[in-house]
Amino acid sequence: MTSRIPELQQGDCLSRAEFERRYSAMPHLKKAELIEGVVYVGSPVNHLRHGLPHHALSYWLGLYREHTPNLIVSDNATVRLDLDNEPQPDLLLGLPPHADGQLEITADGYLEGAPELAIEVAASSVSYDLHQKKRAYRRNGVREYLVHRVDDGQLDWFCRENDEYVAQSRDADGCLQSRVFPGLRLDPEALLAGDHARLRHVVEQACASPRHAALCARLVRP
């Protein structure tokens, strides 16, 4: 018998409580997720395949936040999704509870519930981000899911319809746009090319709309 807390290992099958206990005992571990009751431990982060595309998406989301106050925005935060799933999305966006959002900040500083939008950087279409994790997000009511498939040079934006995820098509300008967050519009080619000026222009133009103004009015704290 030993009092030592076991370390998280790839493929461990754990309850959410035990996952949190072991994760908390490993402050050196930067990323671990519980997906459908199975532990996934993050590998070293590659600059070209993860760090750089993550930064580009973070920049784009930050542009939207500049124009849209009081949203819940987070980067690599653990989310208590359900008893078998505690993912750590690369980025997320949520409406606060007073604006009919699904996500809450708990007393101990964690996020609990389903974000309106989850964003992941994945290597390719075979990644668990597009299989096990996608199913967990869909089942728990994550309304939109954006995945950047880096090796494939593609972005998939899924919207939840009738309990299923449906891939969005690009509009006439080649852009993708959120159904939940008016003004959150993305030019995939600009993102892939690192064209920050184009990213900013698209967001600013989309935020100059009556629907975005109505959302901002809903977000005003009561």
Protein backbone atom coordinates (compact mmCIF):
# COMPACT_ATOMS: atom_id res chain seq x y z
CA MET A 1 0.00 0.00 0.00
CA THR A 2 1.19 3.53 -0.72
CA SER A 3 -0.17 7.03 -0.26
CA ARG A 4 1.40 8.20 -3.52
CA ILE A 5 -1.17 9.41 -6.05
CA PRO A 6 -0.69 7.48 -9.32
CA GLU A 7 0.32 9.51 -12.35
CA LEU A 8 -2.02 9.91 -15.30
CA GLN A 9 -1.18 7.56 -18.12
CA GLN A 10 -2.41 7.56 -21.71
CA GLY A 11 -5.36 5.18 -21.96
CA ASP A 12 -6.25 5.09 -18.25
CA CYS A 13 -9.96 4.48 -17.65
CA LEU A 14 -10.98 6.75 -14.78
CA SER A 15 -13.91 8.52 -13.18
CA ARG A 16 -13.91 12.29 -13.47
CA ALA A 17 -13.16 12.67 -9.75
CA GLU A 18 -10.12 10.35 -9.95
CA PHE A 19 -8.94 12.07 -13.15
CA GLU A 20 -9.02 15.44 -11.39
CA ARG A 21 -7.23 14.03 -8.33
CA ARG A 22 -4.36 12.67 -10.39
CA TYR A 23 -4.18 15.70 -12.70
CA SER A 24 -3.97 18.09 -9.72
CA ALA A 25 -1.04 16.06 -8.36
CA MET A 26 0.91 16.60 -11.61
CA PRO A 27 1.46 20.39 -11.88
CA HIS A 28 4.18 19.80 -14.50
CA LEU A 29 1.65 18.25 -16.88
CA LYS A 30 0.32 20.92 -19.21
CA LYS A 31 -2.52 19.06 -20.89
CA ALA A 32 -4.55 15.95 -20.14
CA GLU A 33 -8.16 15.21 -21.03
CA LEU A 34 -10.80 12.71 -20.01
CA ILE A 35 -12.82 11.77 -23.09
CA GLU A 36 -15.54 9.15 -22.77
CA GLY A 37 -13.89 7.91 -19.57
CA VAL A 38 -10.44 7.47 -21.18
CA VAL A 39 -7.36 9.60 -20.43
CA TYR A 40 -5.54 11.35 -23.26
CA VAL A 41 -2.20 12.92 -22.31
CA GLY A 42 -0.85 15.72 -24.47
CA SER A 43 2.41 15.17 -26.32
CA PRO A 44 5.11 17.85 -26.82
CA VAL A 45 3.64 20.75 -28.78
CA ASN A 46 4.95 21.23 -32.30
CA HIS A 47 5.23 24.88 -33.37
CA LEU A 48 4.12 24.45 -36.99
CA ARG A 49 1.46 21.79 -36.36
CA HIS A 50 -0.08 23.33 -33.24
CA GLY A 51 1.51 26.41 -31.68
CA LEU A 52 1.31 28.67 -34.74
CA PRO A 53 -2.24 27.73 -35.84
CA HIS A 54 -3.40 27.97 -32.23
CA HIS A 55 -2.01 31.50 -32.04
CA ALA A 56 -3.80 32.49 -35.26
CA LEU A 57 -7.16 31.24 -33.97
CA SER A 58 -6.56 32.94 -30.62
CA TYR A 59 -5.84 36.22 -32.42
CA TRP A 60 -9.05 35.89 -34.45
CA LEU A 61 -11.13 35.13 -31.36
CA GLY A 62 -9.52 38.08 -29.56
CA LEU A 63 -10.64 40.39 -32.37
CA TYR A 64 -14.22 39.33 -31.77
CA ARG A 65 -13.88 39.78 -28.02
CA GLU A 66 -12.76 43.39 -28.57
CA HIS A 67 -16.19 44.11 -30.03
CA THR A 68 -18.27 41.81 -27.82
CA PRO A 69 -18.00 42.37 -24.04
CA ASN A 70 -18.83 39.97 -21.20
CA LEU A 71 -18.40 36.73 -23.12
CA ILE A 72 -16.74 33.72 -21.49
CA VAL A 73 -13.48 33.20 -23.38
CA SER A 74 -10.77 30.73 -22.41
CA ASP A 75 -7.59 29.15 -23.69
CA ASN A 76 -6.76 25.55 -22.73
CA ALA A 77 -9.08 25.57 -19.72
CA THR A 78 -10.44 22.33 -18.29
CA VAL A 79 -14.19 21.95 -18.80
CA ARG A 80 -16.32 19.68 -16.61
CA LEU A 81 -18.57 18.51 -19.41
CA ASP A 82 -20.15 15.42 -17.83
CA LEU A 83 -19.14 12.56 -15.53
CA ASP A 84 -17.07 10.85 -18.28
CA ASN A 85 -15.71 13.89 -20.10
CA GLU A 86 -13.38 16.62 -18.92
CA PRO A 87 -11.79 18.05 -22.08
CA GLN A 88 -9.33 20.92 -22.31
CA PRO A 89 -10.32 22.73 -25.54
CA ASP A 90 -7.64 24.75 -27.25
CA LEU A 91 -10.08 27.68 -27.22
CA LEU A 92 -13.70 28.16 -26.24
CA LEU A 93 -16.37 30.82 -26.33
CA GLY A 94 -19.48 30.89 -24.19
CA LEU A 95 -22.41 33.09 -23.35
CA PRO A 96 -22.70 33.99 -19.66
CA PRO A 97 -25.65 32.53 -17.71
CA HIS A 98 -27.50 35.87 -17.69
CA ALA A 99 -27.51 35.75 -21.52
CA ASP A 100 -28.88 32.19 -21.61
CA GLY A 101 -25.45 30.58 -21.79
CA GLN A 102 -24.80 26.95 -20.89
CA LEU A 103 -21.42 27.47 -19.20
CA GLU A 104 -20.78 28.38 -15.56
CA ILE A 105 -17.65 29.31 -13.63
CA THR A 106 -17.61 27.21 -10.46
CA ALA A 107 -16.57 28.35 -6.97
CA ASP A 108 -13.17 26.68 -7.46
CA GLY A 109 -12.58 28.48 -10.77
CA TYR A 110 -13.34 25.69 -13.21
CA LEU A 111 -15.74 25.78 -16.14
CA GLU A 112 -18.74 23.47 -15.97
CA GLY A 113 -21.29 22.76 -18.68
CA ALA A 114 -21.14 23.09 -22.44
CA PRO A 115 -19.51 26.08 -24.15
CA GLU A 116 -21.45 27.47 -27.08
CA LEU A 117 -18.32 27.13 -29.25
CA ALA A 118 -15.35 24.79 -28.81
CA ILE A 119 -12.23 25.15 -30.98
CA GLU A 120 -9.54 22.52 -31.47
CA VAL A 121 -6.33 22.32 -33.49
CA ALA A 122 -6.00 18.76 -34.83
CA ALA A 123 -3.35 17.10 -36.96
CA SER A 124 -5.81 15.54 -39.41
CA SER A 125 -9.21 13.95 -39.85
CA VAL A 126 -8.08 10.80 -38.01
CA SER A 127 -7.48 12.69 -34.76
CA TYR A 128 -9.65 11.91 -31.73
CA ASP A 129 -10.77 15.54 -31.92
CA LEU A 130 -12.95 14.52 -34.88
CA HIS A 131 -14.16 11.26 -33.40
CA GLN A 132 -14.41 10.57 -29.64
CA LYS A 133 -14.23 14.21 -28.59
CA LYS A 134 -16.61 15.35 -31.32
CA ARG A 135 -19.20 12.81 -30.14
CA ALA A 136 -18.81 13.97 -26.52
CA TYR A 137 -19.23 17.62 -27.50
CA ARG A 138 -22.29 16.87 -29.62
CA ARG A 139 -23.98 14.76 -26.96
CA ASN A 140 -23.41 17.39 -24.28
CA GLY A 141 -24.90 20.23 -26.30
CA VAL A 142 -21.85 22.15 -27.52
CA ARG A 143 -23.65 24.16 -30.15
CA GLU A 144 -20.74 24.80 -32.51
CA TYR A 145 -17.41 23.05 -33.01
CA LEU A 146 -14.55 24.47 -35.07
CA VAL A 147 -11.62 22.21 -35.96
CA HIS A 148 -8.47 23.30 -37.76
CA ARG A 149 -7.01 20.22 -39.48
CA VAL A 150 -3.44 21.41 -39.89
CA ASP A 151 -1.97 18.60 -42.01
CA ASP A 152 -4.98 18.80 -44.35
CA GLY A 153 -4.95 22.60 -44.52
CA GLN A 154 -8.69 22.69 -43.78
CA LEU A 155 -11.11 24.18 -41.26
CA ASP A 156 -14.36 22.44 -40.35
CA TRP A 157 -17.13 24.39 -38.61
CA PHE A 158 -19.89 22.13 -37.30
CA CYS A 159 -23.27 23.38 -36.07
CA ARG A 160 -25.62 21.27 -33.98
CA GLU A 161 -28.90 20.53 -35.75
CA ASN A 162 -31.42 17.99 -34.42
CA ASP A 163 -28.77 16.50 -32.11
CA GLU A 164 -26.30 16.04 -34.97
CA TYR A 165 -23.32 18.07 -36.16
CA VAL A 166 -23.68 19.49 -39.67
CA ALA A 167 -20.67 20.97 -41.45
CA GLN A 168 -21.17 24.58 -42.49
CA SER A 169 -20.59 25.68 -46.05
CA ARG A 170 -18.66 28.82 -46.92
CA ASP A 171 -20.65 31.86 -47.98
CA ALA A 172 -20.31 33.76 -51.26
CA ASP A 173 -17.15 35.46 -49.97
CA GLY A 174 -15.56 32.19 -48.94
CA CYS A 175 -16.12 32.81 -45.23
CA LEU A 176 -17.56 30.79 -42.36
CA GLN A 177 -19.82 32.41 -39.79
CA SER A 178 -21.19 31.46 -36.40
CA ARG A 179 -24.92 30.95 -35.97
CA VAL A 180 -24.71 31.57 -32.23
CA PHE A 181 -22.43 34.62 -32.17
CA PRO A 182 -23.41 37.33 -34.68
CA GLY A 183 -20.29 38.95 -36.10
CA LEU A 184 -18.01 35.98 -35.49
CA ARG A 185 -16.95 35.48 -39.09
CA LEU A 186 -13.82 33.75 -40.35
CA ASP A 187 -11.99 33.83 -43.65
CA PRO A 188 -10.24 30.42 -43.67
CA GLU A 189 -7.79 31.39 -46.42
CA ALA A 190 -6.72 34.47 -44.46
CA LEU A 191 -6.20 32.37 -41.36
CA LEU A 192 -4.12 29.78 -43.23
CA ALA A 193 -2.05 32.54 -44.86
CA GLY A 194 -1.52 34.43 -41.60
CA ASP A 195 -3.22 37.51 -43.07
CA HIS A 196 -4.10 39.32 -39.83
CA ALA A 197 -5.28 42.45 -41.59
CA ARG A 198 -7.86 40.45 -43.54
CA LEU A 199 -8.98 38.61 -40.39
CA ARG A 200 -9.52 41.92 -38.62
CA HIS A 201 -11.39 43.45 -41.56
CA VAL A 202 -13.79 40.51 -41.81
CA VAL A 203 -14.59 40.56 -38.08
CA GLU A 204 -14.99 44.33 -37.88
CA GLN A 205 -17.27 44.38 -40.90
CA ALA A 206 -19.41 41.55 -39.51
CA CYS A 207 -19.68 43.21 -36.10
CA ALA A 208 -21.13 46.38 -37.64
CA SER A 209 -24.57 44.80 -37.84
CA PRO A 210 -27.89 45.13 -35.96
CA ARG A 211 -27.70 41.43 -34.91
CA HIS A 212 -24.33 41.99 -33.27
CA ALA A 213 -25.64 45.11 -31.53
CA ALA A 214 -28.57 43.07 -30.21
CA LEU A 215 -26.19 40.44 -28.83
CA CYS A 216 -24.12 43.13 -27.08
CA ALA A 217 -27.32 44.45 -25.47
CA ARG A 218 -28.08 40.94 -24.15
CA LEU A 219 -24.57 40.67 -22.73
CA VAL A 220 -24.85 43.77 -20.55
CA ARG A 221 -24.59 42.58 -16.97
CA PRO A 222 -27.89 42.79 -15.05
